[in-house]
Amino acid sequence: MAEKKRHCLVCGKPDPGENTICPTCKAQIRGEALERNKQIKKDSDRELHKEGSDPLKK
């Protein structure tokens, strides 16, 4: 039988390696998630400041 080639689920490039997503797409997705988390934290701190409460500091 013909061997089925594997492709990245995000970009469609052949042979993503061990995983189903190639390293380039994985890094891009991870970076987007980190930016989204930073924005959520920034927005929540802003809302707490508007309410008169101090945001929790590390």
PDB file of N, CA and C in Angstrom:
ATOM      1  N   MET A   1       0.838  -1.190   0.000  1.00  0.00           N
ATOM      2  CA  MET A   1       0.000   0.000   0.000  1.00  0.00           C
ATOM      3  C   MET A   1       0.879   1.248   0.000  1.00  0.00           C
ATOM      4  N   ALA A   2       0.312   2.293  -0.482  1.00  0.00           N
ATOM      5  CA  ALA A   2       1.034   3.565  -0.524  1.00  0.00           C
ATOM      6  C   ALA A   2       1.116   4.154   0.878  1.00  0.00           C
ATOM      7  N   GLU A   3       2.276   4.673   1.207  1.00  0.00           N
ATOM      8  CA  GLU A   3       2.467   5.274   2.523  1.00  0.00           C
ATOM      9  C   GLU A   3       1.851   6.669   2.523  1.00  0.00           C
ATOM     10  N   LYS A   4       1.057   6.948   3.529  1.00  0.00           N
ATOM     11  CA  LYS A   4       0.388   8.252   3.636  1.00  0.00           C
ATOM     12  C   LYS A   4       1.354   9.260   4.254  1.00  0.00           C
ATOM     13  N   LYS A   5       1.589  10.369   3.548  1.00  0.00           N
ATOM     14  CA  LYS A   5       2.492  11.404   4.060  1.00  0.00           C
ATOM     15  C   LYS A   5       1.779  12.241   5.106  1.00  0.00           C
ATOM     16  N   ARG A   6       2.532  12.654   6.098  1.00  0.00           N
ATOM     17  CA  ARG A   6       1.982  13.493   7.167  1.00  0.00           C
ATOM     18  C   ARG A   6       2.179  14.958   6.805  1.00  0.00           C
ATOM     19  N   HIS A   7       1.219  15.772   7.201  1.00  0.00           N
ATOM     20  CA  HIS A   7       1.270  17.209   6.948  1.00  0.00           C
ATOM     21  C   HIS A   7       0.949  17.950   8.243  1.00  0.00           C
ATOM     22  N   CYS A   8       1.479  19.159   8.346  1.00  0.00           N
ATOM     23  CA  CYS A   8       1.180  20.030   9.481  1.00  0.00           C
ATOM     24  C   CYS A   8      -0.304  20.379   9.418  1.00  0.00           C
ATOM     25  N   LEU A   9      -0.987  20.320  10.558  1.00  0.00           N
ATOM     26  CA  LEU A   9      -2.416  20.623  10.599  1.00  0.00           C
ATOM     27  C   LEU A   9      -2.706  22.110  10.434  1.00  0.00           C
ATOM     28  N   VAL A  10      -1.715  22.963  10.657  1.00  0.00           N
ATOM     29  CA  VAL A  10      -1.926  24.403  10.582  1.00  0.00           C
ATOM     30  C   VAL A  10      -1.601  24.939   9.190  1.00  0.00           C
ATOM     31  N   CYS A  11      -0.398  24.678   8.714  1.00  0.00           N
ATOM     32  CA  CYS A  11       0.045  25.266   7.448  1.00  0.00           C
ATOM     33  C   CYS A  11       0.006  24.297   6.272  1.00  0.00           C
ATOM     34  N   GLY A  12      -0.042  23.005   6.536  1.00  0.00           N
ATOM     35  CA  GLY A  12      -0.115  22.021   5.474  1.00  0.00           C
ATOM     36  C   GLY A  12       1.225  21.599   4.890  1.00  0.00           C
ATOM     37  N   LYS A  13       2.322  22.061   5.461  1.00  0.00           N
ATOM     38  CA  LYS A  13       3.644  21.656   4.957  1.00  0.00           C
ATOM     39  C   LYS A  13       3.843  20.153   5.225  1.00  0.00           C
ATOM     40  N   PRO A  14       4.490  19.451   4.301  1.00  0.00           N
ATOM     41  CA  PRO A  14       4.717  18.020   4.514  1.00  0.00           C
ATOM     42  C   PRO A  14       5.740  17.770   5.622  1.00  0.00           C
ATOM     43  N   ASP A  15       5.598  16.619   6.254  1.00  0.00           N
ATOM     44  CA  ASP A  15       6.518  16.129   7.280  1.00  0.00           C
ATOM     45  C   ASP A  15       6.714  17.112   8.438  1.00  0.00           C
ATOM     46  N   PRO A  16       5.738  17.212   9.342  1.00  0.00           N
ATOM     47  CA  PRO A  16       5.877  18.112  10.490  1.00  0.00           C
ATOM     48  C   PRO A  16       6.801  17.573  11.580  1.00  0.00           C
ATOM     49  N   GLY A  17       7.361  16.407  11.401  1.00  0.00           N
ATOM     50  CA  GLY A  17       8.240  15.823  12.409  1.00  0.00           C
ATOM     51  C   GLY A  17       7.462  14.840  13.263  1.00  0.00           C
ATOM     52  N   GLU A  18       7.783  14.767  14.542  1.00  0.00           N
ATOM     53  CA  GLU A  18       7.131  13.823  15.447  1.00  0.00           C
ATOM     54  C   GLU A  18       5.675  14.205  15.716  1.00  0.00           C
ATOM     55  N   ASN A  19       5.393  15.502  15.738  1.00  0.00           N
ATOM     56  CA  ASN A  19       4.071  15.977  16.113  1.00  0.00           C
ATOM     57  C   ASN A  19       3.218  16.237  14.884  1.00  0.00           C
ATOM     58  N   THR A  20       1.994  16.680  15.104  1.00  0.00           N
ATOM     59  CA  THR A  20       1.093  16.992  13.998  1.00  0.00           C
ATOM     60  C   THR A  20       1.187  18.451  13.578  1.00  0.00           C
ATOM     61  N   ILE A  21       1.935  19.254  14.343  1.00  0.00           N
ATOM     62  CA  ILE A  21       2.132  20.666  14.032  1.00  0.00           C
ATOM     63  C   ILE A  21       3.637  20.920  13.907  1.00  0.00           C
ATOM     64  N   CYS A  22       4.045  21.622  12.845  1.00  0.00           N
ATOM     65  CA  CYS A  22       5.474  21.872  12.634  1.00  0.00           C
ATOM     66  C   CYS A  22       5.992  22.874  13.685  1.00  0.00           C
ATOM     67  N   PRO A  23       7.291  22.880  13.951  1.00  0.00           N
ATOM     68  CA  PRO A  23       7.869  23.751  14.972  1.00  0.00           C
ATOM     69  C   PRO A  23       7.605  25.241  14.729  1.00  0.00           C
ATOM     70  N   THR A  24       7.572  25.670  13.470  1.00  0.00           N
ATOM     71  CA  THR A  24       7.329  27.076  13.159  1.00  0.00           C
ATOM     72  C   THR A  24       5.930  27.487  13.593  1.00  0.00           C
ATOM     73  N   CYS A  25       4.942  26.684  13.247  1.00  0.00           N
ATOM     74  CA  CYS A  25       3.553  26.991  13.622  1.00  0.00           C
ATOM     75  C   CYS A  25       3.369  26.909  15.137  1.00  0.00           C
ATOM     76  N   LYS A  26       4.033  25.938  15.756  1.00  0.00           N
ATOM     77  CA  LYS A  26       3.920  25.778  17.204  1.00  0.00           C
ATOM     78  C   LYS A  26       4.443  27.016  17.926  1.00  0.00           C
ATOM     79  N   ALA A  27       5.582  27.557  17.460  1.00  0.00           N
ATOM     80  CA  ALA A  27       6.160  28.754  18.071  1.00  0.00           C
ATOM     81  C   ALA A  27       5.244  29.961  17.877  1.00  0.00           C
ATOM     82  N   GLN A  28       4.651  30.068  16.703  1.00  0.00           N
ATOM     83  CA  GLN A  28       3.741  31.185  16.432  1.00  0.00           C
ATOM     84  C   GLN A  28       2.504  31.107  17.318  1.00  0.00           C
ATOM     85  N   ILE A  29       1.934  29.929  17.473  1.00  0.00           N
ATOM     86  CA  ILE A  29       0.750  29.753  18.319  1.00  0.00           C
ATOM     87  C   ILE A  29       1.085  30.062  19.770  1.00  0.00           C
ATOM     88  N   ARG A  30       2.238  29.597  20.225  1.00  0.00           N
ATOM     89  CA  ARG A  30       2.662  29.842  21.607  1.00  0.00           C
ATOM     90  C   ARG A  30       2.851  31.344  21.849  1.00  0.00           C
ATOM     91  N   GLY A  31       3.452  32.057  20.886  1.00  0.00           N
ATOM     92  CA  GLY A  31       3.655  33.496  21.018  1.00  0.00           C
ATOM     93  C   GLY A  31       2.336  34.250  21.076  1.00  0.00           C
ATOM     94  N   GLU A  32       1.366  33.827  20.238  1.00  0.00           N
ATOM     95  CA  GLU A  32       0.046  34.472  20.262  1.00  0.00           C
ATOM     96  C   GLU A  32      -0.637  34.260  21.605  1.00  0.00           C
ATOM     97  N   ALA A  33      -0.505  33.069  22.167  1.00  0.00           N
ATOM     98  CA  ALA A  33      -1.118  32.780  23.463  1.00  0.00           C
ATOM     99  C   ALA A  33      -0.486  33.624  24.571  1.00  0.00           C
ATOM    100  N   LEU A  34       0.835  33.788  24.530  1.00  0.00           N
ATOM    101  CA  LEU A  34       1.501  34.608  25.547  1.00  0.00           C
ATOM    102  C   LEU A  34       1.060  36.067  25.459  1.00  0.00           C
ATOM    103  N   GLU A  35       0.955  36.584  24.239  1.00  0.00           N
ATOM    104  CA  GLU A  35       0.499  37.968  24.057  1.00  0.00           C
ATOM    105  C   GLU A  35      -0.936  38.142  24.553  1.00  0.00           C
ATOM    106  N   ARG A  36      -1.792  37.162  24.274  1.00  0.00           N
ATOM    107  CA  ARG A  36      -3.179  37.226  24.725  1.00  0.00           C
ATOM    108  C   ARG A  36      -3.245  37.230  26.256  1.00  0.00           C
ATOM    109  N   ASN A  37      -2.416  36.398  26.908  1.00  0.00           N
ATOM    110  CA  ASN A  37      -2.392  36.371  28.368  1.00  0.00           C
ATOM    111  C   ASN A  37      -1.916  37.694  28.948  1.00  0.00           C
ATOM    112  N   LYS A  38      -0.912  38.303  28.317  1.00  0.00           N
ATOM    113  CA  LYS A  38      -0.425  39.607  28.784  1.00  0.00           C
ATOM    114  C   LYS A  38      -1.517  40.662  28.672  1.00  0.00           C
ATOM    115  N   GLN A  39      -2.269  40.644  27.570  1.00  0.00           N
ATOM    116  CA  GLN A  39      -3.334  41.621  27.372  1.00  0.00           C
ATOM    117  C   GLN A  39      -4.459  41.425  28.385  1.00  0.00           C
ATOM    118  N   ILE A  40      -4.808  40.183  28.678  1.00  0.00           N
ATOM    119  CA  ILE A  40      -5.851  39.902  29.672  1.00  0.00           C
ATOM    120  C   ILE A  40      -5.419  40.422  31.033  1.00  0.00           C
ATOM    121  N   LYS A  41      -4.152  40.169  31.415  1.00  0.00           N
ATOM    122  CA  LYS A  41      -3.656  40.653  32.711  1.00  0.00           C
ATOM    123  C   LYS A  41      -3.664  42.176  32.753  1.00  0.00           C
ATOM    124  N   LYS A  42      -3.238  42.820  31.674  1.00  0.00           N
ATOM    125  CA  LYS A  42      -3.211  44.275  31.613  1.00  0.00           C
ATOM    126  C   LYS A  42      -4.621  44.844  31.755  1.00  0.00           C
ATOM    127  N   ASP A  43      -5.588  44.247  31.053  1.00  0.00           N
ATOM    128  CA  ASP A  43      -6.972  44.707  31.134  1.00  0.00           C
ATOM    129  C   ASP A  43      -7.558  44.514  32.528  1.00  0.00           C
ATOM    130  N   SER A  44      -7.268  43.385  33.157  1.00  0.00           N
ATOM    131  CA  SER A  44      -7.804  43.140  34.493  1.00  0.00           C
ATOM    132  C   SER A  44      -7.189  44.086  35.522  1.00  0.00           C
ATOM    133  N   ASP A  45      -5.876  44.360  35.393  1.00  0.00           N
ATOM    134  CA  ASP A  45      -5.231  45.317  36.295  1.00  0.00           C
ATOM    135  C   ASP A  45      -5.824  46.715  36.120  1.00  0.00           C
ATOM    136  N   ARG A  46      -6.117  47.093  34.888  1.00  0.00           N
ATOM    137  CA  ARG A  46      -6.718  48.393  34.603  1.00  0.00           C
ATOM    138  C   ARG A  46      -8.110  48.492  35.256  1.00  0.00           C
ATOM    139  N   GLU A  47      -8.896  47.417  35.152  1.00  0.00           N
ATOM    140  CA  GLU A  47     -10.229  47.410  35.749  1.00  0.00           C
ATOM    141  C   GLU A  47     -10.149  47.492  37.279  1.00  0.00           C
ATOM    142  N   LEU A  48      -9.205  46.765  37.869  1.00  0.00           N
ATOM    143  CA  LEU A  48      -9.031  46.833  39.317  1.00  0.00           C
ATOM    144  C   LEU A  48      -8.638  48.237  39.750  1.00  0.00           C
ATOM    145  N   HIS A  49      -7.787  48.889  38.980  1.00  0.00           N
ATOM    146  CA  HIS A  49      -7.358  50.243  39.310  1.00  0.00           C
ATOM    147  C   HIS A  49      -8.539  51.212  39.227  1.00  0.00           C
ATOM    148  N   LYS A  50      -9.398  51.039  38.232  1.00  0.00           N
ATOM    149  CA  LYS A  50     -10.594  51.893  38.105  1.00  0.00           C
ATOM    150  C   LYS A  50     -11.506  51.731  39.305  1.00  0.00           C
ATOM    151  N   GLU A  51     -11.592  50.526  39.857  1.00  0.00           N
ATOM    152  CA  GLU A  51     -12.462  50.254  40.992  1.00  0.00           C
ATOM    153  C   GLU A  51     -11.857  50.753  42.307  1.00  0.00           C
ATOM    154  N   GLY A  52     -10.614  51.137  42.278  1.00  0.00           N
ATOM    155  CA  GLY A  52      -9.968  51.656  43.471  1.00  0.00           C
ATOM    156  C   GLY A  52      -9.147  50.621  44.218  1.00  0.00           C
ATOM    157  N   SER A  53      -9.078  49.423  43.687  1.00  0.00           N
ATOM    158  CA  SER A  53      -8.298  48.366  44.319  1.00  0.00           C
ATOM    159  C   SER A  53      -6.940  48.303  43.656  1.00  0.00           C
ATOM    160  N   ASP A  54      -5.916  47.949  44.423  1.00  0.00           N
ATOM    161  CA  ASP A  54      -4.584  47.814  43.850  1.00  0.00           C
ATOM    162  C   ASP A  54      -4.428  46.421  43.258  1.00  0.00           C
ATOM    163  N   PRO A  55      -3.892  46.305  42.040  1.00  0.00           N
ATOM    164  CA  PRO A  55      -3.625  44.994  41.454  1.00  0.00           C
ATOM    165  C   PRO A  55      -2.575  44.253  42.266  1.00  0.00           C
ATOM    166  N   LEU A  56      -2.667  42.958  42.259  1.00  0.00           N
ATOM    167  CA  LEU A  56      -1.685  42.154  42.987  1.00  0.00           C
ATOM    168  C   LEU A  56      -0.351  42.231  42.281  1.00  0.00           C
ATOM    169  N   LYS A  57       0.686  42.515  43.030  1.00  0.00           N
ATOM    170  CA  LYS A  57       2.052  42.609  42.492  1.00  0.00           C
ATOM    171  C   LYS A  57       2.804  41.355  42.876  1.00  0.00           C
ATOM    172  N   LYS A  58       3.712  40.902  42.007  1.00  0.00           N
ATOM    173  CA  LYS A  58       4.549  39.751  42.325  1.00  0.00           C
ATOM    174  C   LYS A  58       5.723  40.161  43.163  1.00  0.00           C
TER     175      LYS A  58
END
